[in-house]
């Protein structure tokens, strides 16, 4: 069984990628790349990501990368290889603006990459979250994509149907692969504990986002 890391964002796609491949590889740790200059992650707060990995009982490493970013990422991949990592797992679904996959480019000649969601049917992916009882919170949504913002809502069966209908109407990616919205995972089949968030919704110039006020961990029965 090969040693692997999951590139963890705290969102639904990296969470589903882990779910799909956790029994195929020896998952050594989660890795999250962060800029060397301290910067707030609006859609995926670091403290929440720490609560997630703690709830899964897996080591989580935050790796700082500086500019130029591609060189920084390549150095980070080389370091993972030195540590005995063989495979990088990502939750990427498709190319953005027909550009090569950035992580795949950075792994070339160093590490294998496994993208279990790649080019899968978007609607089928959304249904998989519902079928497997993921609890997912919309953490940010852009005004240009939603007449009525969806920030603060759960990605439940009703919202999934709304996203499918919006895809038919406006052509958005219902999984948000073009950045239409972002998510935080609060529970999944492999979580030992469920995460409860206290939050408010803030309106900014081009988006609505959650502002986390409290993070509580609840033991699952």
C-alpha atoms as a PDB file:
ATOM      1  CA  UNK A   1       0.000   0.000   0.000  1.00  0.00           C
ATOM      2  CA  UNK A   2       1.561   3.284  -1.112  1.00  0.00           C
ATOM      3  CA  UNK A   3       2.091   6.215   1.256  1.00  0.00           C
ATOM      4  CA  UNK A   4      -0.096   9.190   0.355  1.00  0.00           C
ATOM      5  CA  UNK A   5      -1.119  12.648   1.509  1.00  0.00           C
ATOM      6  CA  UNK A   6      -4.416  14.432   0.937  1.00  0.00           C
ATOM      7  CA  UNK A   7      -4.299  18.091  -0.057  1.00  0.00           C
ATOM      8  CA  UNK A   8      -6.894  19.268   2.451  1.00  0.00           C
ATOM      9  CA  UNK A   9      -8.933  22.459   2.092  1.00  0.00           C
ATOM     10  CA  UNK A  10     -11.686  21.715   4.578  1.00  0.00           C
ATOM     11  CA  UNK A  11     -14.199  21.792   1.735  1.00  0.00           C
ATOM     12  CA  UNK A  12     -16.445  19.104   0.327  1.00  0.00           C
ATOM     13  CA  UNK A  13     -14.242  17.989  -2.573  1.00  0.00           C
ATOM     14  CA  UNK A  14     -11.083  17.196  -0.612  1.00  0.00           C
ATOM     15  CA  UNK A  15     -13.315  15.495   1.971  1.00  0.00           C
ATOM     16  CA  UNK A  16     -14.908  13.313  -0.705  1.00  0.00           C
ATOM     17  CA  UNK A  17     -11.521  12.528  -2.269  1.00  0.00           C
ATOM     18  CA  UNK A  18     -10.329  11.233   1.108  1.00  0.00           C
ATOM     19  CA  UNK A  19     -13.538   9.219   1.497  1.00  0.00           C
ATOM     20  CA  UNK A  20     -13.015   7.600  -1.902  1.00  0.00           C
ATOM     21  CA  UNK A  21      -9.350   6.661  -1.402  1.00  0.00           C
ATOM     22  CA  UNK A  22      -8.760   6.238   2.345  1.00  0.00           C
ATOM     23  CA  UNK A  23      -8.716   2.442   2.011  1.00  0.00           C
ATOM     24  CA  UNK A  24      -6.612   2.379  -1.164  1.00  0.00           C
ATOM     25  CA  UNK A  25      -3.545   4.095   0.315  1.00  0.00           C
ATOM     26  CA  UNK A  26      -1.753   4.531   3.610  1.00  0.00           C
ATOM     27  CA  UNK A  27      -2.843   8.120   4.235  1.00  0.00           C
ATOM     28  CA  UNK A  28       0.060   9.556   6.214  1.00  0.00           C
ATOM     29  CA  UNK A  29      -1.320  13.063   6.742  1.00  0.00           C
ATOM     30  CA  UNK A  30      -3.324  15.972   5.409  1.00  0.00           C
ATOM     31  CA  UNK A  31      -1.364  18.829   3.839  1.00  0.00           C
ATOM     32  CA  UNK A  32      -2.618  22.389   3.428  1.00  0.00           C
ATOM     33  CA  UNK A  33      -0.487  24.916   1.574  1.00  0.00           C
ATOM     34  CA  UNK A  34      -0.558  28.422   3.042  1.00  0.00           C
ATOM     35  CA  UNK A  35       1.259  31.622   1.988  1.00  0.00           C
ATOM     36  CA  UNK A  36       4.326  32.654   3.976  1.00  0.00           C
ATOM     37  CA  UNK A  37       2.677  36.024   4.582  1.00  0.00           C
ATOM     38  CA  UNK A  38      -0.101  35.600   7.142  1.00  0.00           C
ATOM     39  CA  UNK A  39      -3.405  35.803   5.321  1.00  0.00           C
ATOM     40  CA  UNK A  40      -6.912  35.080   6.507  1.00  0.00           C
ATOM     41  CA  UNK A  41      -8.698  32.263   4.685  1.00  0.00           C
ATOM     42  CA  UNK A  42     -12.233  33.595   4.405  1.00  0.00           C
ATOM     43  CA  UNK A  43     -13.839  30.486   2.905  1.00  0.00           C
ATOM     44  CA  UNK A  44     -11.724  27.851   4.678  1.00  0.00           C
ATOM     45  CA  UNK A  45     -10.583  29.105   8.110  1.00  0.00           C
ATOM     46  CA  UNK A  46      -7.446  27.454   9.478  1.00  0.00           C
ATOM     47  CA  UNK A  47      -8.946  26.882  12.934  1.00  0.00           C
ATOM     48  CA  UNK A  48     -11.824  24.962  11.381  1.00  0.00           C
ATOM     49  CA  UNK A  49      -9.446  22.835   9.310  1.00  0.00           C
ATOM     50  CA  UNK A  50      -7.569  21.986  12.509  1.00  0.00           C
ATOM     51  CA  UNK A  51     -10.846  20.934  14.146  1.00  0.00           C
ATOM     52  CA  UNK A  52     -11.636  18.739  11.135  1.00  0.00           C
ATOM     53  CA  UNK A  53      -8.334  16.856  11.157  1.00  0.00           C
ATOM     54  CA  UNK A  54      -8.591  16.462  14.927  1.00  0.00           C
ATOM     55  CA  UNK A  55     -12.076  14.988  14.490  1.00  0.00           C
ATOM     56  CA  UNK A  56     -10.673  12.516  11.956  1.00  0.00           C
ATOM     57  CA  UNK A  57      -7.628  11.759  14.159  1.00  0.00           C
ATOM     58  CA  UNK A  58      -5.110  12.369  11.393  1.00  0.00           C
ATOM     59  CA  UNK A  59      -1.914  14.414  11.375  1.00  0.00           C
ATOM     60  CA  UNK A  60      -2.343  17.735   9.565  1.00  0.00           C
ATOM     61  CA  UNK A  61       0.564  19.807   8.312  1.00  0.00           C
ATOM     62  CA  UNK A  62       0.318  23.420   7.149  1.00  0.00           C
ATOM     63  CA  UNK A  63       3.115  24.035   4.653  1.00  0.00           C
ATOM     64  CA  UNK A  64       4.145  27.616   3.947  1.00  0.00           C
ATOM     65  CA  UNK A  65       5.001  28.473   0.350  1.00  0.00           C
ATOM     66  CA  UNK A  66       6.305  31.762  -0.977  1.00  0.00           C
ATOM     67  CA  UNK A  67       6.554  33.434  -4.348  1.00  0.00           C
ATOM     68  CA  UNK A  68       7.115  32.384  -7.032  1.00  0.00           C
ATOM     69  CA  UNK A  69       4.407  29.947  -5.990  1.00  0.00           C
ATOM     70  CA  UNK A  70       5.031  27.224  -8.565  1.00  0.00           C
ATOM     71  CA  UNK A  71       8.643  26.863  -7.474  1.00  0.00           C
ATOM     72  CA  UNK A  72       7.496  26.865  -3.852  1.00  0.00           C
ATOM     73  CA  UNK A  73       5.008  24.085  -4.498  1.00  0.00           C
ATOM     74  CA  UNK A  74       7.597  22.021  -6.387  1.00  0.00           C
ATOM     75  CA  UNK A  75       9.983  22.346  -3.427  1.00  0.00           C
ATOM     76  CA  UNK A  76       7.198  21.209  -1.105  1.00  0.00           C
ATOM     77  CA  UNK A  77       6.480  18.176  -3.297  1.00  0.00           C
ATOM     78  CA  UNK A  78      10.184  17.303  -3.337  1.00  0.00           C
ATOM     79  CA  UNK A  79      10.193  17.438   0.468  1.00  0.00           C
ATOM     80  CA  UNK A  80       7.186  15.115   0.626  1.00  0.00           C
ATOM     81  CA  UNK A  81       9.044  12.668  -1.598  1.00  0.00           C
ATOM     82  CA  UNK A  82      12.036  12.785   0.770  1.00  0.00           C
ATOM     83  CA  UNK A  83       9.643  11.885   3.596  1.00  0.00           C
ATOM     84  CA  UNK A  84       8.600   8.732   1.762  1.00  0.00           C
ATOM     85  CA  UNK A  85       5.356  10.022   0.281  1.00  0.00           C
ATOM     86  CA  UNK A  86       4.527   8.479  -3.092  1.00  0.00           C
ATOM     87  CA  UNK A  87       1.061   9.807  -3.962  1.00  0.00           C
ATOM     88  CA  UNK A  88      -0.721  13.163  -3.674  1.00  0.00           C
ATOM     89  CA  UNK A  89      -4.533  13.062  -3.526  1.00  0.00           C
ATOM     90  CA  UNK A  90      -6.601  16.085  -4.542  1.00  0.00           C
ATOM     91  CA  UNK A  91     -10.294  16.873  -4.820  1.00  0.00           C
ATOM     92  CA  UNK A  92      -9.950  18.607  -8.187  1.00  0.00           C
ATOM     93  CA  UNK A  93     -12.848  17.953 -10.546  1.00  0.00           C
ATOM     94  CA  UNK A  94     -11.795  19.643 -13.787  1.00  0.00           C
ATOM     95  CA  UNK A  95      -9.488  22.149 -15.432  1.00  0.00           C
ATOM     96  CA  UNK A  96     -10.114  25.845 -14.799  1.00  0.00           C
ATOM     97  CA  UNK A  97     -10.164  28.053 -17.912  1.00  0.00           C
ATOM     98  CA  UNK A  98      -8.589  25.198 -19.902  1.00  0.00           C
ATOM     99  CA  UNK A  99      -5.337  25.572 -17.947  1.00  0.00           C
ATOM    100  CA  UNK A 100      -3.176  22.561 -16.985  1.00  0.00           C
ATOM    101  CA  UNK A 101      -3.835  21.239 -13.488  1.00  0.00           C
ATOM    102  CA  UNK A 102      -1.476  23.190 -11.229  1.00  0.00           C
ATOM    103  CA  UNK A 103      -0.823  20.440  -8.675  1.00  0.00           C
ATOM    104  CA  UNK A 104      -0.293  17.856 -11.394  1.00  0.00           C
ATOM    105  CA  UNK A 105       2.303  20.141 -12.986  1.00  0.00           C
ATOM    106  CA  UNK A 106       4.096  20.553  -9.647  1.00  0.00           C
ATOM    107  CA  UNK A 107       4.155  16.788  -9.028  1.00  0.00           C
ATOM    108  CA  UNK A 108       5.713  15.880 -12.385  1.00  0.00           C
ATOM    109  CA  UNK A 109       8.783  13.707 -11.975  1.00  0.00           C
ATOM    110  CA  UNK A 110       8.347  13.651  -8.200  1.00  0.00           C
ATOM    111  CA  UNK A 111       5.065  12.151  -7.054  1.00  0.00           C
ATOM    112  CA  UNK A 112       2.061  10.347  -8.450  1.00  0.00           C
ATOM    113  CA  UNK A 113      -1.236  12.213  -8.319  1.00  0.00           C
ATOM    114  CA  UNK A 114      -4.647  10.642  -7.776  1.00  0.00           C
ATOM    115  CA  UNK A 115      -7.763  12.731  -8.463  1.00  0.00           C
ATOM    116  CA  UNK A 116     -10.738  10.438  -7.793  1.00  0.00           C
ATOM    117  CA  UNK A 117     -13.342  13.084  -8.690  1.00  0.00           C
ATOM    118  CA  UNK A 118     -11.736  14.116 -11.976  1.00  0.00           C
ATOM    119  CA  UNK A 119     -14.308  14.817 -14.710  1.00  0.00           C
ATOM    120  CA  UNK A 120     -17.056  13.007 -12.809  1.00  0.00           C
ATOM    121  CA  UNK A 121     -20.643  14.036 -13.433  1.00  0.00           C
ATOM    122  CA  UNK A 122     -21.316  17.018 -11.173  1.00  0.00           C
ATOM    123  CA  UNK A 123     -24.846  15.993 -10.273  1.00  0.00           C
ATOM    124  CA  UNK A 124     -23.711  12.492  -9.348  1.00  0.00           C
ATOM    125  CA  UNK A 125     -21.044  13.962  -7.064  1.00  0.00           C
ATOM    126  CA  UNK A 126     -23.597  16.133  -5.273  1.00  0.00           C
ATOM    127  CA  UNK A 127     -25.882  13.140  -4.831  1.00  0.00           C
ATOM    128  CA  UNK A 128     -22.988  11.195  -3.302  1.00  0.00           C
ATOM    129  CA  UNK A 129     -22.685  13.746  -0.490  1.00  0.00           C
ATOM    130  CA  UNK A 130     -26.364  13.314   0.324  1.00  0.00           C
ATOM    131  CA  UNK A 131     -26.311   9.519   0.024  1.00  0.00           C
ATOM    132  CA  UNK A 132     -23.337   9.256   2.408  1.00  0.00           C
ATOM    133  CA  UNK A 133     -24.634  11.714   5.023  1.00  0.00           C
ATOM    134  CA  UNK A 134     -21.985  14.400   4.720  1.00  0.00           C
ATOM    135  CA  UNK A 135     -22.885  17.570   6.608  1.00  0.00           C
ATOM    136  CA  UNK A 136     -21.652  20.498   4.556  1.00  0.00           C
ATOM    137  CA  UNK A 137     -22.008  24.225   5.194  1.00  0.00           C
ATOM    138  CA  UNK A 138     -21.830  26.840   2.439  1.00  0.00           C
ATOM    139  CA  UNK A 139     -19.131  29.219   3.689  1.00  0.00           C
ATOM    140  CA  UNK A 140     -19.077  31.724   0.814  1.00  0.00           C
ATOM    141  CA  UNK A 141     -21.122  32.453  -2.311  1.00  0.00           C
ATOM    142  CA  UNK A 142     -20.598  35.080  -4.990  1.00  0.00           C
ATOM    143  CA  UNK A 143     -23.274  37.614  -5.849  1.00  0.00           C
ATOM    144  CA  UNK A 144     -22.665  37.289  -9.589  1.00  0.00           C
ATOM    145  CA  UNK A 145     -23.681  33.623  -9.461  1.00  0.00           C
ATOM    146  CA  UNK A 146     -26.613  33.742  -7.027  1.00  0.00           C
ATOM    147  CA  UNK A 147     -29.488  36.220  -7.020  1.00  0.00           C
ATOM    148  CA  UNK A 148     -30.258  34.966  -3.504  1.00  0.00           C
ATOM    149  CA  UNK A 149     -27.084  34.057  -1.652  1.00  0.00           C
ATOM    150  CA  UNK A 150     -26.721  30.529  -0.266  1.00  0.00           C
ATOM    151  CA  UNK A 151     -24.077  31.289   2.368  1.00  0.00           C
ATOM    152  CA  UNK A 152     -24.864  29.711   5.718  1.00  0.00           C
ATOM    153  CA  UNK A 153     -27.096  27.026   4.230  1.00  0.00           C
ATOM    154  CA  UNK A 154     -26.484  23.289   4.456  1.00  0.00           C
ATOM    155  CA  UNK A 155     -25.802  21.377   1.262  1.00  0.00           C
ATOM    156  CA  UNK A 156     -28.901  19.236   1.686  1.00  0.00           C
ATOM    157  CA  UNK A 157     -31.174  17.551  -0.847  1.00  0.00           C
ATOM    158  CA  UNK A 158     -33.186  20.734  -1.386  1.00  0.00           C
ATOM    159  CA  UNK A 159     -30.129  22.877  -2.102  1.00  0.00           C
ATOM    160  CA  UNK A 160     -28.709  20.200  -4.397  1.00  0.00           C
ATOM    161  CA  UNK A 161     -31.876  20.363  -6.488  1.00  0.00           C
ATOM    162  CA  UNK A 162     -31.675  24.170  -6.554  1.00  0.00           C
ATOM    163  CA  UNK A 163     -28.080  23.995  -7.792  1.00  0.00           C
ATOM    164  CA  UNK A 164     -29.042  21.536 -10.514  1.00  0.00           C
ATOM    165  CA  UNK A 165     -31.870  23.839 -11.622  1.00  0.00           C
ATOM    166  CA  UNK A 166     -29.517  26.824 -11.601  1.00  0.00           C
ATOM    167  CA  UNK A 167     -27.089  24.900 -13.790  1.00  0.00           C
ATOM    168  CA  UNK A 168     -29.864  24.415 -16.340  1.00  0.00           C
ATOM    169  CA  UNK A 169     -30.848  28.082 -16.118  1.00  0.00           C
ATOM    170  CA  UNK A 170     -27.521  29.938 -15.988  1.00  0.00           C
ATOM    171  CA  UNK A 171     -24.811  27.350 -16.665  1.00  0.00           C
ATOM    172  CA  UNK A 172     -23.072  27.515 -13.292  1.00  0.00           C
ATOM    173  CA  UNK A 173     -21.033  24.553 -12.152  1.00  0.00           C
ATOM    174  CA  UNK A 174     -23.311  22.976  -9.517  1.00  0.00           C
ATOM    175  CA  UNK A 175     -20.244  21.758  -7.607  1.00  0.00           C
ATOM    176  CA  UNK A 176     -18.786  25.271  -7.559  1.00  0.00           C
ATOM    177  CA  UNK A 177     -15.674  24.187  -9.445  1.00  0.00           C
ATOM    178  CA  UNK A 178     -15.415  27.628 -11.056  1.00  0.00           C
ATOM    179  CA  UNK A 179     -15.450  29.278  -7.639  1.00  0.00           C
ATOM    180  CA  UNK A 180     -19.175  30.038  -7.498  1.00  0.00           C
ATOM    181  CA  UNK A 181     -19.301  28.963  -3.859  1.00  0.00           C
ATOM    182  CA  UNK A 182     -17.153  27.370  -1.155  1.00  0.00           C
ATOM    183  CA  UNK A 183     -17.894  24.908   1.618  1.00  0.00           C
ATOM    184  CA  UNK A 184     -16.839  23.626   5.033  1.00  0.00           C
ATOM    185  CA  UNK A 185     -17.404  20.003   6.044  1.00  0.00           C
ATOM    186  CA  UNK A 186     -18.814  19.617   9.554  1.00  0.00           C
ATOM    187  CA  UNK A 187     -19.408  15.865   9.551  1.00  0.00           C
ATOM    188  CA  UNK A 188     -18.670  12.857   7.350  1.00  0.00           C
ATOM    189  CA  UNK A 189     -18.830   9.058   7.700  1.00  0.00           C
ATOM    190  CA  UNK A 190     -15.200   8.953   8.868  1.00  0.00           C
ATOM    191  CA  UNK A 191     -15.431  11.793  11.419  1.00  0.00           C
ATOM    192  CA  UNK A 192     -15.109  10.601  15.019  1.00  0.00           C
ATOM    193  CA  UNK A 193     -16.669  13.843  16.216  1.00  0.00           C
ATOM    194  CA  UNK A 194     -19.128  16.252  14.661  1.00  0.00           C
ATOM    195  CA  UNK A 195     -18.281  19.958  14.425  1.00  0.00           C
ATOM    196  CA  UNK A 196     -20.825  22.582  15.457  1.00  0.00           C
ATOM    197  CA  UNK A 197     -20.229  26.149  14.316  1.00  0.00           C
ATOM    198  CA  UNK A 198     -21.597  29.369  15.683  1.00  0.00           C
ATOM    199  CA  UNK A 199     -21.487  31.936  12.895  1.00  0.00           C
ATOM    200  CA  UNK A 200     -23.028  34.984  11.315  1.00  0.00           C
ATOM    201  CA  UNK A 201     -23.262  35.888   7.624  1.00  0.00           C
ATOM    202  CA  UNK A 202     -21.427  38.966   6.402  1.00  0.00           C
ATOM    203  CA  UNK A 203     -22.081  40.829   3.172  1.00  0.00           C
ATOM    204  CA  UNK A 204     -19.065  42.053   1.238  1.00  0.00           C
ATOM    205  CA  UNK A 205     -18.872  43.900  -2.068  1.00  0.00           C
ATOM    206  CA  UNK A 206     -18.899  40.802  -4.274  1.00  0.00           C
ATOM    207  CA  UNK A 207     -19.815  37.925  -1.958  1.00  0.00           C
ATOM    208  CA  UNK A 208     -21.490  36.774   1.239  1.00  0.00           C
ATOM    209  CA  UNK A 209     -19.346  34.792   3.693  1.00  0.00           C
ATOM    210  CA  UNK A 210     -19.691  33.282   7.128  1.00  0.00           C
ATOM    211  CA  UNK A 211     -17.901  34.746  10.123  1.00  0.00           C
ATOM    212  CA  UNK A 212     -17.138  32.006  12.619  1.00  0.00           C
ATOM    213  CA  UNK A 213     -17.914  32.942  16.207  1.00  0.00           C
ATOM    214  CA  UNK A 214     -17.434  29.560  17.883  1.00  0.00           C
ATOM    215  CA  UNK A 215     -16.251  26.031  17.094  1.00  0.00           C
ATOM    216  CA  UNK A 216     -17.504  23.165  19.236  1.00  0.00           C
ATOM    217  CA  UNK A 217     -16.754  19.478  18.842  1.00  0.00           C
ATOM    218  CA  UNK A 218     -19.525  17.016  19.663  1.00  0.00           C
ATOM    219  CA  UNK A 219     -18.763  13.344  20.258  1.00  0.00           C
ATOM    220  CA  UNK A 220     -20.713  11.061  17.940  1.00  0.00           C
ATOM    221  CA  UNK A 221     -22.635   8.129  19.382  1.00  0.00           C
END
